[in-house]
Amino acid sequence: MSVADESGRARQMREKAQEMHQAAERAQDPEERQRLKDKARRLEEQSKHEKDLGSSGIDPM
């Protein structure tokens, strides 16, 4: 996987996380709102990890 692919994937994950945050704000059900917030947080963490991997220049295999 190239650095460009990894940065593109990280960007897509951040965009999806933003969508999840927006959906959470609109959710009426408190459980659904929390589920969406948790999923958005996980996506943000994954995108940061992807970005860090891409900028390190180390191939994770």
Protein backbone atom coordinates (compact mmCIF):
# COMPACT_ATOMS: atom_id res chain seq x y z
CA MET A 1 0.00 0.00 0.00
CA SER A 2 1.42 3.38 -0.94
CA VAL A 3 1.60 6.45 1.29
CA ALA A 4 -1.02 8.13 -0.89
CA ASP A 5 -3.37 5.17 -0.41
CA GLU A 6 -2.87 5.30 3.35
CA SER A 7 -3.44 9.05 3.58
CA GLY A 8 -6.53 8.72 1.37
CA ARG A 9 -7.85 5.96 3.60
CA ALA A 10 -7.20 8.07 6.71
CA ARG A 11 -9.03 11.01 5.11
CA GLN A 12 -12.01 8.81 4.27
CA MET A 13 -12.11 7.53 7.84
CA ARG A 14 -12.08 11.09 9.20
CA GLU A 15 -14.91 12.05 6.84
CA LYS A 16 -16.95 9.04 7.94
CA ALA A 17 -16.28 9.91 11.60
CA GLN A 18 -17.58 13.43 10.96
CA GLU A 19 -20.73 11.97 9.39
CA MET A 20 -21.18 9.76 12.47
CA HIS A 21 -20.84 12.78 14.78
CA GLN A 22 -23.48 14.63 12.79
CA ALA A 23 -25.81 11.63 12.84
CA ALA A 24 -25.29 11.35 16.61
CA GLU A 25 -26.36 14.97 17.04
CA ARG A 26 -29.57 14.25 15.12
CA ALA A 27 -30.34 10.93 16.85
CA GLN A 28 -33.36 10.99 19.15
CA ASP A 29 -32.56 7.78 21.00
CA PRO A 30 -29.83 8.24 23.66
CA GLU A 31 -28.48 4.72 23.09
CA GLU A 32 -28.25 5.28 19.34
CA ARG A 33 -26.59 8.65 19.93
CA GLN A 34 -23.96 7.04 22.17
CA ARG A 35 -23.39 4.18 19.73
CA LEU A 36 -22.77 6.66 16.90
CA LYS A 37 -20.44 8.77 19.05
CA ASP A 38 -18.46 5.67 20.03
CA LYS A 39 -18.17 4.54 16.42
CA ALA A 40 -17.04 8.03 15.35
CA ARG A 41 -14.38 8.04 18.08
CA ARG A 42 -13.08 4.63 16.95
CA LEU A 43 -12.90 5.81 13.34
CA GLU A 44 -10.98 8.91 14.40
CA GLU A 45 -8.51 6.77 16.34
CA GLN A 46 -8.09 4.42 13.37
CA SER A 47 -7.57 7.32 10.97
CA LYS A 48 -4.89 8.78 13.26
CA HIS A 49 -3.20 5.38 13.37
CA GLU A 50 -3.35 5.09 9.55
CA LYS A 51 -1.93 8.59 9.21
CA ASP A 52 0.87 7.80 11.66
CA LEU A 53 1.74 4.62 9.77
CA GLY A 54 1.82 6.50 6.50
CA SER A 55 4.07 9.25 7.78
CA SER A 56 6.50 6.91 9.51
CA GLY A 57 7.70 5.38 6.26
CA ILE A 58 7.64 1.94 7.87
CA ASP A 59 5.77 -0.78 6.06
CA PRO A 60 3.56 -2.59 8.63
CA MET A 61 3.54 -5.66 6.28
